[in-house]
Amino acid sequence: MTPPIRGLRYPSVRPLLDGEHEHMEYFQVVCAGEFSLFFELPAWKNIILQATLAEPALHHAALAIGALTSSRYHPDIWHTPPAIAFSIRHYNTAIQDLRRRLDGSSQSLELAVLTSVVFSYIEFLLGLDSRTEMHIQAGCAILENLYTRHDRTLAVSTHAGSNCQVGSLYTRYHLLASAMFQLTAQVNCLVAFRSNSNN
């Protein structure tokens, strides 16, 4: 179950500043649910909301998405040029935060795949299709690395008799794999559509 908006707490390392509250609230109320609709799984809304509260990179990405989406849906209220500048600033901060967080561990690889999903959405909103594809390809490559580690962890955990961690690794991996599969299919359809409409 998704916690109520007022009950969500922001990361202590990054409280919201003036001008950010509206974009984060828009993300939480409107955009987070779009992940569940796109991936056809209600759990994605909660996954995204919790991740934006726990990970600074995803916190900044949420601000970027909130600003871009609100300016797209409500251009009379949120003017596009300031929203784009705001979004790009937070997107760059998200990328820097992610780089600092990557340490080669399975947990950081899971974060990298999740941010590939979120960053591809930002690039889509910015209209940068080739960069959307780049994030999806990177996410798939990281997922493949994670799969190799997942198999090793599964073998070690089964041998040691620990099934608790195996279940959570298995579930997280398959949620991410399903998301990357759906994104890849959607981008391929979009590319094919644009190619056919240009001919």
N, C-alpha and C. Protein backbone atom coordinates (compact mmCIF):
# COMPACT_ATOMS: atom_id res chain seq x y z
N MET A 1 0.84 -1.18 0.00
CA MET A 1 0.00 0.00 0.00
C MET A 1 0.88 1.24 0.00
N THR A 2 0.54 2.22 -0.80
CA THR A 2 1.29 3.45 -0.89
C THR A 2 0.95 4.36 0.28
N PRO A 3 1.97 4.91 0.97
CA PRO A 3 1.68 5.80 2.09
C PRO A 3 1.02 7.08 1.60
N PRO A 4 0.21 7.72 2.45
CA PRO A 4 -0.40 8.98 2.04
C PRO A 4 0.68 10.02 1.77
N ILE A 5 0.39 10.95 0.85
CA ILE A 5 1.37 11.94 0.43
C ILE A 5 1.91 12.73 1.62
N ARG A 6 1.06 13.17 2.49
CA ARG A 6 1.49 13.97 3.64
C ARG A 6 2.39 13.18 4.58
N GLY A 7 2.27 11.83 4.56
CA GLY A 7 3.08 11.00 5.44
C GLY A 7 4.46 10.70 4.90
N LEU A 8 4.73 11.04 3.64
CA LEU A 8 6.04 10.76 3.06
C LEU A 8 7.07 11.75 3.61
N ARG A 9 8.22 11.23 3.97
CA ARG A 9 9.28 12.08 4.47
C ARG A 9 10.38 12.14 3.44
N TYR A 10 10.96 13.32 3.29
CA TYR A 10 12.01 13.50 2.30
C TYR A 10 13.34 13.05 2.87
N PRO A 11 14.28 12.68 2.01
CA PRO A 11 15.58 12.25 2.51
C PRO A 11 16.22 13.33 3.38
N SER A 12 16.73 12.93 4.51
CA SER A 12 17.31 13.92 5.42
C SER A 12 18.50 14.64 4.79
N VAL A 13 19.16 13.97 3.85
CA VAL A 13 20.30 14.60 3.19
C VAL A 13 19.86 15.65 2.19
N ARG A 14 18.59 15.66 1.82
CA ARG A 14 18.15 16.57 0.78
C ARG A 14 16.71 17.04 1.02
N PRO A 15 16.51 17.97 1.95
CA PRO A 15 15.16 18.51 2.13
C PRO A 15 14.76 19.35 0.91
N LEU A 16 13.46 19.48 0.71
CA LEU A 16 12.98 20.28 -0.43
C LEU A 16 13.23 21.75 -0.18
N LEU A 17 13.60 22.44 -1.24
CA LEU A 17 13.84 23.88 -1.19
C LEU A 17 12.63 24.61 -1.75
N ASP A 18 12.63 25.93 -1.61
CA ASP A 18 11.55 26.72 -2.20
C ASP A 18 11.48 26.44 -3.70
N GLY A 19 10.29 26.29 -4.21
CA GLY A 19 10.09 26.03 -5.63
C GLY A 19 10.14 24.56 -6.00
N GLU A 20 10.50 23.70 -5.06
CA GLU A 20 10.58 22.27 -5.35
C GLU A 20 9.34 21.51 -4.87
N HIS A 21 8.66 22.04 -3.88
CA HIS A 21 7.51 21.34 -3.28
C HIS A 21 6.45 20.99 -4.33
N GLU A 22 6.13 21.95 -5.20
CA GLU A 22 5.08 21.73 -6.19
C GLU A 22 5.46 20.60 -7.15
N HIS A 23 6.72 20.58 -7.56
CA HIS A 23 7.15 19.56 -8.51
C HIS A 23 7.19 18.17 -7.87
N MET A 24 7.63 18.10 -6.61
CA MET A 24 7.64 16.81 -5.93
C MET A 24 6.22 16.33 -5.67
N GLU A 25 5.35 17.23 -5.27
CA GLU A 25 3.96 16.82 -5.03
C GLU A 25 3.31 16.35 -6.33
N TYR A 26 3.57 17.05 -7.43
CA TYR A 26 3.03 16.64 -8.72
C TYR A 26 3.56 15.26 -9.09
N PHE A 27 4.83 15.04 -8.86
CA PHE A 27 5.41 13.72 -9.14
C PHE A 27 4.72 12.64 -8.31
N GLN A 28 4.56 12.90 -7.01
CA GLN A 28 3.97 11.90 -6.12
C GLN A 28 2.51 11.61 -6.45
N VAL A 29 1.76 12.65 -6.76
CA VAL A 29 0.33 12.49 -6.98
C VAL A 29 0.02 11.98 -8.40
N VAL A 30 0.74 12.46 -9.40
CA VAL A 30 0.41 12.15 -10.79
C VAL A 30 1.41 11.15 -11.41
N CYS A 31 2.68 11.50 -11.38
CA CYS A 31 3.68 10.75 -12.15
C CYS A 31 3.98 9.36 -11.61
N ALA A 32 4.08 9.21 -10.31
CA ALA A 32 4.43 7.90 -9.74
C ALA A 32 3.42 6.84 -10.16
N GLY A 33 2.15 7.21 -10.22
CA GLY A 33 1.12 6.28 -10.65
C GLY A 33 1.25 5.88 -12.11
N GLU A 34 1.87 6.74 -12.92
CA GLU A 34 2.06 6.42 -14.33
C GLU A 34 3.00 5.22 -14.51
N PHE A 35 3.93 5.03 -13.58
CA PHE A 35 4.81 3.86 -13.66
C PHE A 35 3.99 2.58 -13.50
N SER A 36 3.04 2.60 -12.57
CA SER A 36 2.17 1.43 -12.38
C SER A 36 1.32 1.17 -13.61
N LEU A 37 0.81 2.23 -14.22
CA LEU A 37 0.01 2.06 -15.43
C LEU A 37 0.86 1.51 -16.57
N PHE A 38 2.04 2.08 -16.75
CA PHE A 38 2.91 1.65 -17.86
C PHE A 38 3.34 0.20 -17.69
N PHE A 39 3.77 -0.17 -16.48
CA PHE A 39 4.27 -1.52 -16.25
C PHE A 39 3.16 -2.50 -15.87
N GLU A 40 1.92 -2.01 -15.80
CA GLU A 40 0.75 -2.83 -15.51
C GLU A 40 0.91 -3.63 -14.22
N LEU A 41 1.49 -2.95 -13.22
CA LEU A 41 1.69 -3.58 -11.93
C LEU A 41 1.57 -2.50 -10.85
N PRO A 42 0.55 -2.56 -10.01
CA PRO A 42 0.33 -1.51 -9.01
C PRO A 42 1.52 -1.27 -8.07
N ALA A 43 2.34 -2.27 -7.85
CA ALA A 43 3.47 -2.13 -6.92
C ALA A 43 4.48 -1.09 -7.39
N TRP A 44 4.53 -0.80 -8.69
CA TRP A 44 5.53 0.15 -9.19
C TRP A 44 5.36 1.54 -8.60
N LYS A 45 4.14 1.96 -8.32
CA LYS A 45 3.95 3.29 -7.73
C LYS A 45 4.67 3.36 -6.39
N ASN A 46 4.48 2.36 -5.57
CA ASN A 46 5.13 2.34 -4.25
C ASN A 46 6.64 2.19 -4.38
N ILE A 47 7.10 1.36 -5.31
CA ILE A 47 8.55 1.18 -5.53
C ILE A 47 9.18 2.53 -5.86
N ILE A 48 8.56 3.25 -6.79
CA ILE A 48 9.09 4.54 -7.22
C ILE A 48 9.03 5.56 -6.09
N LEU A 49 7.90 5.63 -5.40
CA LEU A 49 7.78 6.61 -4.31
C LEU A 49 8.82 6.35 -3.21
N GLN A 50 8.95 5.09 -2.80
CA GLN A 50 9.91 4.77 -1.75
C GLN A 50 11.35 5.04 -2.21
N ALA A 51 11.64 4.73 -3.47
CA ALA A 51 12.99 4.95 -3.99
C ALA A 51 13.33 6.44 -4.01
N THR A 52 12.36 7.29 -4.33
CA THR A 52 12.64 8.73 -4.38
C THR A 52 12.88 9.29 -2.99
N LEU A 53 12.40 8.60 -1.98
CA LEU A 53 12.63 9.04 -0.60
C LEU A 53 13.94 8.51 -0.04
N ALA A 54 14.39 7.38 -0.56
CA ALA A 54 15.59 6.74 -0.02
C ALA A 54 16.87 7.09 -0.77
N GLU A 55 16.75 7.37 -2.06
CA GLU A 55 17.93 7.58 -2.89
C GLU A 55 17.98 9.01 -3.43
N PRO A 56 19.03 9.78 -3.10
CA PRO A 56 19.13 11.15 -3.60
C PRO A 56 19.05 11.26 -5.13
N ALA A 57 19.63 10.30 -5.86
CA ALA A 57 19.58 10.36 -7.33
C ALA A 57 18.14 10.31 -7.82
N LEU A 58 17.35 9.43 -7.23
CA LEU A 58 15.96 9.29 -7.65
C LEU A 58 15.11 10.45 -7.12
N HIS A 59 15.51 11.04 -6.02
CA HIS A 59 14.83 12.24 -5.50
C HIS A 59 14.93 13.37 -6.52
N HIS A 60 16.14 13.60 -7.03
CA HIS A 60 16.34 14.66 -8.02
C HIS A 60 15.66 14.31 -9.35
N ALA A 61 15.70 13.04 -9.72
CA ALA A 61 15.02 12.62 -10.95
C ALA A 61 13.51 12.85 -10.83
N ALA A 62 12.95 12.60 -9.65
CA ALA A 62 11.51 12.83 -9.43
C ALA A 62 11.17 14.31 -9.59
N LEU A 63 12.03 15.18 -9.08
CA LEU A 63 11.80 16.62 -9.25
C LEU A 63 11.83 17.00 -10.73
N ALA A 64 12.76 16.43 -11.48
CA ALA A 64 12.86 16.71 -12.92
C ALA A 64 11.61 16.22 -13.65
N ILE A 65 11.17 15.02 -13.34
CA ILE A 65 9.98 14.46 -13.99
C ILE A 65 8.74 15.26 -13.62
N GLY A 66 8.62 15.62 -12.34
CA GLY A 66 7.46 16.41 -11.91
C GLY A 66 7.37 17.73 -12.66
N ALA A 67 8.50 18.40 -12.83
CA ALA A 67 8.52 19.69 -13.54
C ALA A 67 8.21 19.52 -15.02
N LEU A 68 8.84 18.53 -15.66
CA LEU A 68 8.61 18.32 -17.09
C LEU A 68 7.17 17.89 -17.39
N THR A 69 6.66 16.99 -16.59
CA THR A 69 5.31 16.49 -16.82
C THR A 69 4.26 17.56 -16.56
N SER A 70 4.43 18.31 -15.48
CA SER A 70 3.44 19.35 -15.18
C SER A 70 3.47 20.44 -16.25
N SER A 71 4.65 20.76 -16.78
CA SER A 71 4.70 21.77 -17.85
C SER A 71 4.11 21.25 -19.15
N ARG A 72 4.17 19.95 -19.35
CA ARG A 72 3.59 19.34 -20.55
C ARG A 72 2.06 19.28 -20.44
N TYR A 73 1.55 18.87 -19.27
CA TYR A 73 0.11 18.74 -19.08
C TYR A 73 -0.58 20.07 -18.81
N HIS A 74 0.15 21.01 -18.22
CA HIS A 74 -0.43 22.31 -17.82
C HIS A 74 0.49 23.46 -18.24
N PRO A 75 0.67 23.66 -19.55
CA PRO A 75 1.61 24.69 -20.01
C PRO A 75 1.18 26.11 -19.63
N ASP A 76 -0.13 26.32 -19.39
CA ASP A 76 -0.59 27.64 -19.00
C ASP A 76 -0.20 27.98 -17.56
N ILE A 77 0.03 26.97 -16.73
CA ILE A 77 0.42 27.19 -15.33
C ILE A 77 1.94 27.11 -15.16
N TRP A 78 2.53 26.04 -15.71
CA TRP A 78 3.97 25.82 -15.59
C TRP A 78 4.60 26.12 -16.94
N HIS A 79 5.28 27.22 -17.04
CA HIS A 79 5.88 27.63 -18.30
C HIS A 79 7.05 26.72 -18.65
N THR A 80 7.09 26.32 -19.90
CA THR A 80 8.03 25.29 -20.35
C THR A 80 9.50 25.65 -20.20
N PRO A 81 10.00 26.82 -20.67
CA PRO A 81 11.45 27.06 -20.55
C PRO A 81 11.99 26.98 -19.10
N PRO A 82 11.34 27.62 -18.11
CA PRO A 82 11.85 27.47 -16.74
C PRO A 82 11.76 26.02 -16.24
N ALA A 83 10.72 25.31 -16.64
CA ALA A 83 10.58 23.92 -16.21
C ALA A 83 11.69 23.06 -16.79
N ILE A 84 12.06 23.31 -18.05
CA ILE A 84 13.13 22.54 -18.68
C ILE A 84 14.46 22.83 -17.99
N ALA A 85 14.73 24.09 -17.71
CA ALA A 85 15.98 24.45 -17.03
C ALA A 85 16.03 23.81 -15.63
N PHE A 86 14.93 23.88 -14.91
CA PHE A 86 14.83 23.28 -13.58
C PHE A 86 15.08 21.77 -13.68
N SER A 87 14.43 21.14 -14.65
CA SER A 87 14.55 19.69 -14.82
C SER A 87 15.96 19.27 -15.17
N ILE A 88 16.58 19.97 -16.08
CA ILE A 88 17.94 19.62 -16.48
C ILE A 88 18.91 19.78 -15.31
N ARG A 89 18.72 20.82 -14.52
CA ARG A 89 19.58 21.02 -13.34
C ARG A 89 19.44 19.83 -12.38
N HIS A 90 18.21 19.41 -12.11
CA HIS A 90 18.00 18.29 -11.19
C HIS A 90 18.40 16.95 -11.82
N TYR A 91 18.24 16.83 -13.11
CA TYR A 91 18.66 15.61 -13.80
C TYR A 91 20.18 15.46 -13.71
N ASN A 92 20.91 16.54 -13.94
CA ASN A 92 22.37 16.50 -13.80
C ASN A 92 22.79 16.15 -12.38
N THR A 93 22.10 16.70 -11.40
CA THR A 93 22.39 16.37 -9.99
C THR A 93 22.10 14.90 -9.73
N ALA A 94 21.02 14.37 -10.31
CA ALA A 94 20.68 12.96 -10.16
C ALA A 94 21.79 12.07 -10.71
N ILE A 95 22.31 12.43 -11.87
CA ILE A 95 23.39 11.65 -12.49
C ILE A 95 24.63 11.66 -11.59
N GLN A 96 24.98 12.83 -11.06
CA GLN A 96 26.13 12.93 -10.15
C GLN A 96 25.91 12.10 -8.89
N ASP A 97 24.71 12.16 -8.31
CA ASP A 97 24.40 11.38 -7.12
C ASP A 97 24.50 9.88 -7.40
N LEU A 98 24.02 9.47 -8.57
CA LEU A 98 24.10 8.05 -8.93
C LEU A 98 25.56 7.61 -9.06
N ARG A 99 26.38 8.41 -9.71
CA ARG A 99 27.80 8.06 -9.88
C ARG A 99 28.48 7.87 -8.53
N ARG A 100 28.16 8.73 -7.57
CA ARG A 100 28.76 8.60 -6.23
C ARG A 100 28.30 7.33 -5.53
N ARG A 101 27.12 6.88 -5.86
CA ARG A 101 26.52 5.74 -5.17
C ARG A 101 26.96 4.39 -5.72
N LEU A 102 27.43 4.38 -6.97
CA LEU A 102 27.81 3.11 -7.61
C LEU A 102 29.13 2.61 -7.05
N ASP A 103 29.09 1.39 -6.51
CA ASP A 103 30.29 0.80 -5.92
C ASP A 103 30.53 -0.63 -6.39
N GLY A 104 29.73 -1.09 -7.35
CA GLY A 104 29.90 -2.44 -7.87
C GLY A 104 29.12 -3.50 -7.13
N SER A 105 28.49 -3.14 -6.02
CA SER A 105 27.70 -4.11 -5.26
C SER A 105 26.39 -4.41 -6.00
N SER A 106 25.78 -5.53 -5.66
CA SER A 106 24.49 -5.88 -6.27
C SER A 106 23.44 -4.81 -5.99
N GLN A 107 23.47 -4.25 -4.79
CA GLN A 107 22.50 -3.21 -4.44
C GLN A 107 22.69 -1.97 -5.32
N SER A 108 23.93 -1.58 -5.58
CA SER A 108 24.14 -0.41 -6.43
C SER A 108 23.79 -0.72 -7.89
N LEU A 109 23.95 -1.98 -8.31
CA LEU A 109 23.54 -2.35 -9.67
C LEU A 109 22.02 -2.31 -9.81
N GLU A 110 21.30 -2.76 -8.78
CA GLU A 110 19.84 -2.67 -8.78
C GLU A 110 19.42 -1.20 -8.89
N LEU A 111 20.09 -0.34 -8.14
CA LEU A 111 19.80 1.09 -8.20
C LEU A 111 20.07 1.63 -9.60
N ALA A 112 21.16 1.19 -10.22
CA ALA A 112 21.49 1.65 -11.57
C ALA A 112 20.42 1.24 -12.58
N VAL A 113 19.89 0.03 -12.46
CA VAL A 113 18.83 -0.41 -13.37
C VAL A 113 17.57 0.41 -13.13
N LEU A 114 17.22 0.63 -11.88
CA LEU A 114 16.03 1.43 -11.56
C LEU A 114 16.19 2.86 -12.08
N THR A 115 17.37 3.43 -11.93
CA THR A 115 17.57 4.79 -12.44
C THR A 115 17.57 4.80 -13.97
N SER A 116 17.98 3.71 -14.61
CA SER A 116 17.87 3.63 -16.07
C SER A 116 16.41 3.76 -16.50
N VAL A 117 15.52 3.12 -15.76
CA VAL A 117 14.09 3.21 -16.03
C VAL A 117 13.63 4.66 -15.89
N VAL A 118 14.01 5.28 -14.77
CA VAL A 118 13.56 6.65 -14.48
C VAL A 118 14.22 7.66 -15.41
N PHE A 119 15.52 7.50 -15.66
CA PHE A 119 16.23 8.43 -16.54
C PHE A 119 15.70 8.33 -17.98
N SER A 120 15.32 7.12 -18.41
CA SER A 120 14.76 7.00 -19.76
C SER A 120 13.45 7.78 -19.88
N TYR A 121 12.70 7.86 -18.79
CA TYR A 121 11.45 8.64 -18.78
C TYR A 121 11.77 10.13 -18.92
N ILE A 122 12.81 10.59 -18.24
CA ILE A 122 13.22 12.00 -18.36
C ILE A 122 13.62 12.31 -19.80
N GLU A 123 14.43 11.44 -20.39
CA GLU A 123 14.87 11.66 -21.77
C GLU A 123 13.69 11.64 -22.74
N PHE A 124 12.72 10.76 -22.48
CA PHE A 124 11.52 10.73 -23.31
C PHE A 124 10.78 12.06 -23.20
N LEU A 125 10.62 12.58 -21.99
CA LEU A 125 9.93 13.86 -21.79
C LEU A 125 10.68 15.01 -22.45
N LEU A 126 12.00 14.91 -22.50
CA LEU A 126 12.81 15.93 -23.16
C LEU A 126 12.83 15.76 -24.68
N GLY A 127 12.29 14.62 -25.17
CA GLY A 127 12.24 14.37 -26.61
C GLY A 127 13.55 13.87 -27.18
N LEU A 128 14.38 13.27 -26.34
CA LEU A 128 15.69 12.78 -26.79
C LEU A 128 15.65 11.26 -26.92
N ASP A 129 15.08 10.79 -28.02
CA ASP A 129 14.86 9.35 -28.20
C ASP A 129 16.13 8.53 -28.16
N SER A 130 17.21 9.02 -28.77
CA SER A 130 18.45 8.23 -28.80
C SER A 130 19.01 8.05 -27.39
N ARG A 131 18.85 9.06 -26.55
CA ARG A 131 19.33 8.94 -25.17
C ARG A 131 18.40 8.04 -24.35
N THR A 132 17.12 8.01 -24.71
CA THR A 132 16.20 7.08 -24.07
C THR A 132 16.67 5.66 -24.35
N GLU A 133 16.97 5.38 -25.61
CA GLU A 133 17.48 4.06 -25.99
C GLU A 133 18.79 3.74 -25.27
N MET A 134 19.66 4.73 -25.13
CA MET A 134 20.94 4.53 -24.46
C MET A 134 20.73 4.07 -23.01
N HIS A 135 19.80 4.72 -22.30
CA HIS A 135 19.53 4.34 -20.91
C HIS A 135 18.95 2.93 -20.82
N ILE A 136 18.10 2.59 -21.76
CA ILE A 136 17.50 1.26 -21.75
C ILE A 136 18.56 0.20 -22.04
N GLN A 137 19.43 0.46 -23.01
CA GLN A 137 20.50 -0.48 -23.32
C GLN A 137 21.45 -0.65 -22.13
N ALA A 138 21.77 0.47 -21.48
CA ALA A 138 22.65 0.40 -20.30
C ALA A 138 21.97 -0.39 -19.18
N GLY A 139 20.69 -0.14 -18.97
CA GLY A 139 19.95 -0.87 -17.94
C GLY A 139 19.93 -2.36 -18.22
N CYS A 140 19.75 -2.73 -19.49
CA CYS A 140 19.75 -4.15 -19.86
C CYS A 140 21.12 -4.79 -19.63
N ALA A 141 22.19 -4.06 -19.95
CA ALA A 141 23.54 -4.58 -19.74
C ALA A 141 23.83 -4.77 -18.24
N ILE A 142 23.41 -3.82 -17.44
CA ILE A 142 23.60 -3.93 -15.98
C ILE A 142 22.76 -5.08 -15.44
N LEU A 143 21.57 -5.23 -15.97
CA LEU A 143 20.68 -6.31 -15.55
C LEU A 143 21.31 -7.67 -15.84
N GLU A 144 22.00 -7.77 -16.97
CA GLU A 144 22.68 -9.02 -17.31
C GLU A 144 23.77 -9.32 -16.28
N ASN A 145 24.52 -8.29 -15.87
CA ASN A 145 25.54 -8.45 -14.84
C ASN A 145 24.88 -8.87 -13.53
N LEU A 146 23.76 -8.26 -13.22
CA LEU A 146 23.03 -8.58 -11.99
C LEU A 146 22.52 -10.02 -12.03
N TYR A 147 22.10 -10.48 -13.22
CA TYR A 147 21.62 -11.84 -13.38
C TYR A 147 22.72 -12.85 -13.04
N THR A 148 23.94 -12.57 -13.51
CA THR A 148 25.07 -13.45 -13.22
C THR A 148 25.31 -13.52 -11.71
N ARG A 149 25.27 -12.37 -11.06
CA ARG A 149 25.44 -12.33 -9.61
C ARG A 149 24.28 -13.01 -8.91
N HIS A 150 23.07 -12.83 -9.44
CA HIS A 150 21.87 -13.43 -8.86
C HIS A 150 22.00 -14.95 -8.88
N ASP A 151 22.49 -15.51 -9.99
CA ASP A 151 22.67 -16.96 -10.08
C ASP A 151 23.68 -17.45 -9.05
N ARG A 152 24.78 -16.71 -8.89
CA ARG A 152 25.78 -17.10 -7.90
C ARG A 152 25.22 -17.02 -6.49
N THR A 153 24.47 -15.94 -6.19
CA THR A 153 23.87 -15.78 -4.86
C THR A 153 22.86 -16.88 -4.61
N LEU A 154 22.08 -17.22 -5.63
CA LEU A 154 21.08 -18.27 -5.52
C LEU A 154 21.75 -19.60 -5.17
N ALA A 155 22.84 -19.92 -5.86
CA ALA A 155 23.55 -21.17 -5.61
C ALA A 155 24.13 -21.20 -4.20
N VAL A 156 24.75 -20.11 -3.78
CA VAL A 156 25.34 -20.04 -2.44
C VAL A 156 24.25 -20.10 -1.37
N SER A 157 23.19 -19.35 -1.55
CA SER A 157 22.12 -19.32 -0.56
C SER A 157 21.41 -20.66 -0.45
N THR A 158 21.20 -21.32 -1.58
CA THR A 158 20.54 -22.61 -1.56
C THR A 158 21.43 -23.63 -0.86
N HIS A 159 22.71 -23.57 -1.16
CA HIS A 159 23.65 -24.49 -0.52
C HIS A 159 23.70 -24.24 0.98
N ALA A 160 23.65 -22.97 1.39
CA ALA A 160 23.72 -22.63 2.81
C ALA A 160 22.36 -22.79 3.49
N GLY A 161 21.29 -22.97 2.71
CA GLY A 161 19.98 -23.16 3.31
C GLY A 161 19.23 -21.87 3.58
N SER A 162 19.69 -20.75 3.08
CA SER A 162 19.04 -19.47 3.33
C SER A 162 18.13 -19.11 2.16
N ASN A 163 16.83 -19.30 2.32
CA ASN A 163 15.90 -19.00 1.24
C ASN A 163 15.29 -17.62 1.35
N CYS A 164 15.40 -16.98 2.49
CA CYS A 164 14.77 -15.67 2.71
C CYS A 164 15.34 -14.64 1.75
N GLN A 165 16.65 -14.53 1.66
CA GLN A 165 17.27 -13.54 0.80
C GLN A 165 17.08 -13.90 -0.68
N VAL A 166 17.03 -15.19 -0.99
CA VAL A 166 16.85 -15.61 -2.37
C VAL A 166 15.54 -15.08 -2.91
N GLY A 167 14.47 -15.18 -2.13
CA GLY A 167 13.16 -14.70 -2.56
C GLY A 167 13.18 -13.22 -2.88
N SER A 168 13.80 -12.41 -2.04
CA SER A 168 13.81 -10.97 -2.28
C SER A 168 14.70 -10.63 -3.48
N LEU A 169 15.83 -11.31 -3.63
CA LEU A 169 16.68 -11.08 -4.81
C LEU A 169 15.93 -11.48 -6.07
N TYR A 170 15.28 -12.61 -6.03
CA TYR A 170 14.54 -13.12 -7.17
C TYR A 170 13.43 -12.14 -7.57
N THR A 171 12.67 -11.67 -6.59
CA THR A 171 11.57 -10.75 -6.86
C THR A 171 12.08 -9.43 -7.42
N ARG A 172 13.09 -8.84 -6.80
CA ARG A 172 13.62 -7.56 -7.28
C ARG A 172 14.17 -7.70 -8.69
N TYR A 173 14.91 -8.76 -8.92
CA TYR A 173 15.49 -8.97 -10.25
C TYR A 173 14.38 -9.07 -11.30
N HIS A 174 13.37 -9.85 -11.02
CA HIS A 174 12.32 -10.06 -12.02
C HIS A 174 11.46 -8.82 -12.23
N LEU A 175 11.26 -8.02 -11.21
CA LEU A 175 10.57 -6.75 -11.40
C LEU A 175 11.36 -5.84 -12.35
N LEU A 176 12.67 -5.76 -12.11
CA LEU A 176 13.52 -4.92 -12.96
C LEU A 176 13.62 -5.49 -14.37
N ALA A 177 13.73 -6.81 -14.49
CA ALA A 177 13.82 -7.44 -15.81
C ALA A 177 12.53 -7.22 -16.60
N SER A 178 11.41 -7.35 -15.95
CA SER A 178 10.12 -7.12 -16.62
C SER A 178 10.01 -5.67 -17.09
N ALA A 179 10.44 -4.74 -16.24
CA ALA A 179 10.39 -3.32 -16.61
C ALA A 179 11.28 -3.05 -17.82
N MET A 180 12.49 -3.59 -17.82
CA MET A 180 13.40 -3.35 -18.94
C MET A 180 12.86 -3.98 -20.22
N PHE A 181 12.24 -5.16 -20.11
CA PHE A 181 11.66 -5.80 -21.27
C PHE A 181 10.54 -4.93 -21.86
N GLN A 182 9.66 -4.42 -21.00
CA GLN A 182 8.56 -3.58 -21.48
C GLN A 182 9.07 -2.28 -22.09
N LEU A 183 10.06 -1.66 -21.46
CA LEU A 183 10.63 -0.43 -22.03
C LEU A 183 11.25 -0.68 -23.39
N THR A 184 12.00 -1.77 -23.50
CA THR A 184 12.64 -2.10 -24.77
C THR A 184 11.59 -2.30 -25.86
N ALA A 185 10.53 -3.02 -25.55
CA ALA A 185 9.46 -3.26 -26.52
C ALA A 185 8.80 -1.95 -26.94
N GLN A 186 8.53 -1.08 -25.98
CA GLN A 186 7.88 0.20 -26.29
C GLN A 186 8.78 1.09 -27.16
N VAL A 187 10.05 1.15 -26.82
CA VAL A 187 10.97 1.98 -27.61
C VAL A 187 11.12 1.42 -29.02
N ASN A 188 11.21 0.11 -29.16
CA ASN A 188 11.30 -0.49 -30.49
C ASN A 188 10.05 -0.17 -31.32
N CYS A 189 8.88 -0.22 -30.70
CA CYS A 189 7.63 0.13 -31.41
C CYS A 189 7.64 1.60 -31.82
N LEU A 190 8.11 2.47 -30.92
CA LEU A 190 8.16 3.90 -31.22
C LEU A 190 9.12 4.19 -32.37
N VAL A 191 10.28 3.56 -32.34
CA VAL A 191 11.27 3.75 -33.41
C VAL A 191 10.71 3.26 -34.74
N ALA A 192 10.06 2.11 -34.73
CA ALA A 192 9.47 1.56 -35.96
C ALA A 192 8.36 2.48 -36.48
N PHE A 193 7.54 2.99 -35.59
CA PHE A 193 6.46 3.90 -35.98
C PHE A 193 7.02 5.17 -36.62
N ARG A 194 8.02 5.76 -35.96
CA ARG A 194 8.62 6.98 -36.51
C ARG A 194 9.31 6.73 -37.83
N SER A 195 9.93 5.57 -37.96
CA SER A 195 10.60 5.22 -39.22
C SER A 195 9.57 5.08 -40.35
N ASN A 196 8.45 4.43 -40.05
CA ASN A 196 7.40 4.26 -41.06
C ASN A 196 6.72 5.56 -41.40
N SER A 197 6.55 6.45 -40.45
CA SER A 197 5.88 7.73 -40.72
C SER A 197 6.78 8.69 -41.48
N ASN A 198 8.10 8.49 -41.41
CA ASN A 198 9.03 9.33 -42.17
C ASN A 198 9.15 8.89 -43.63
N ASN A 199 8.72 7.67 -43.92
CA ASN A 199 8.83 7.14 -45.30
C ASN A 199 7.62 7.49 -46.12
